[in-house]
């Protein structure tokens, strides 16, 4: 599984990219965090 596939699934599930530093991405979700 590649990063783009994982990112696509996260966004489909409602996760939003919160912060990014280099290749490190942090996602947040309104109800799951």
N, C-alpha and C. Protein backbone atom coordinates (compact mmCIF):
# COMPACT_ATOMS: atom_id res chain seq x y z
N UNK A 1 0.85 -1.17 0.00
CA UNK A 1 0.00 0.00 0.00
C UNK A 1 0.90 1.23 0.00
N UNK A 2 0.61 2.15 -0.87
CA UNK A 2 1.40 3.37 -0.99
C UNK A 2 0.78 4.51 -0.17
N UNK A 3 1.58 5.56 0.04
CA UNK A 3 1.13 6.69 0.85
C UNK A 3 -0.14 7.32 0.28
N UNK A 4 -0.20 7.48 -1.03
CA UNK A 4 -1.36 8.12 -1.66
C UNK A 4 -2.64 7.33 -1.39
N UNK A 5 -2.54 6.01 -1.35
CA UNK A 5 -3.71 5.17 -1.06
C UNK A 5 -4.16 5.36 0.39
N UNK A 6 -3.18 5.43 1.29
CA UNK A 6 -3.49 5.63 2.71
C UNK A 6 -4.11 7.01 2.92
N UNK A 7 -3.51 8.03 2.29
CA UNK A 7 -4.03 9.39 2.41
C UNK A 7 -5.46 9.48 1.87
N UNK A 8 -5.73 8.82 0.78
CA UNK A 8 -7.06 8.82 0.18
C UNK A 8 -8.08 8.19 1.13
N UNK A 9 -7.72 7.08 1.78
CA UNK A 9 -8.63 6.43 2.73
C UNK A 9 -8.87 7.29 3.96
N UNK A 10 -7.80 7.94 4.46
CA UNK A 10 -7.96 8.81 5.62
C UNK A 10 -8.91 9.97 5.32
N UNK A 11 -8.71 10.63 4.17
CA UNK A 11 -9.56 11.76 3.81
C UNK A 11 -11.00 11.33 3.57
N UNK A 12 -11.19 10.14 3.01
CA UNK A 12 -12.53 9.62 2.79
C UNK A 12 -13.25 9.36 4.11
N UNK A 13 -12.48 9.00 5.14
CA UNK A 13 -13.03 8.70 6.46
C UNK A 13 -13.23 9.96 7.31
N UNK A 14 -12.84 11.13 6.78
CA UNK A 14 -13.09 12.38 7.50
C UNK A 14 -11.87 13.00 8.16
N UNK A 15 -10.68 12.42 7.98
CA UNK A 15 -9.47 12.98 8.56
C UNK A 15 -9.00 14.16 7.72
N UNK A 16 -8.46 15.18 8.38
CA UNK A 16 -8.00 16.40 7.72
C UNK A 16 -6.52 16.60 8.03
N UNK A 17 -5.75 16.98 7.01
CA UNK A 17 -4.33 17.26 7.21
C UNK A 17 -4.20 18.50 8.08
N UNK A 18 -3.58 18.35 9.24
CA UNK A 18 -3.47 19.43 10.23
C UNK A 18 -2.13 20.14 10.12
N UNK A 19 -1.04 19.38 10.02
CA UNK A 19 0.29 19.97 9.97
C UNK A 19 1.21 19.05 9.20
N UNK A 20 2.22 19.65 8.58
CA UNK A 20 3.19 18.86 7.84
C UNK A 20 4.56 19.51 8.00
N UNK A 21 5.54 18.68 8.35
CA UNK A 21 6.92 19.14 8.45
C UNK A 21 7.78 18.14 7.71
N UNK A 22 8.25 18.54 6.54
CA UNK A 22 8.98 17.61 5.69
C UNK A 22 8.03 16.55 5.18
N UNK A 23 8.36 15.29 5.43
CA UNK A 23 7.48 14.20 4.99
C UNK A 23 6.58 13.69 6.12
N UNK A 24 6.65 14.33 7.28
CA UNK A 24 5.84 13.91 8.44
C UNK A 24 4.52 14.68 8.42
N UNK A 25 3.41 13.95 8.27
CA UNK A 25 2.09 14.56 8.20
C UNK A 25 1.28 14.21 9.43
N UNK A 26 0.55 15.19 9.95
CA UNK A 26 -0.34 14.97 11.08
C UNK A 26 -1.77 15.21 10.63
N UNK A 27 -2.62 14.22 10.88
CA UNK A 27 -4.02 14.32 10.53
C UNK A 27 -4.84 14.42 11.80
N UNK A 28 -5.96 15.13 11.73
CA UNK A 28 -6.88 15.24 12.85
C UNK A 28 -8.28 14.86 12.38
N UNK A 29 -9.09 14.42 13.34
CA UNK A 29 -10.48 14.06 13.06
C UNK A 29 -11.33 14.67 14.16
N UNK A 30 -12.46 15.24 13.81
CA UNK A 30 -13.28 15.95 14.80
C UNK A 30 -13.84 15.04 15.88
N UNK A 31 -14.19 13.80 15.54
CA UNK A 31 -14.82 12.94 16.54
C UNK A 31 -13.96 11.78 16.99
N UNK A 32 -12.89 11.47 16.29
CA UNK A 32 -12.08 10.29 16.61
C UNK A 32 -10.80 10.59 17.38
N UNK A 33 -10.55 11.85 17.72
CA UNK A 33 -9.32 12.17 18.45
C UNK A 33 -9.56 12.40 19.91
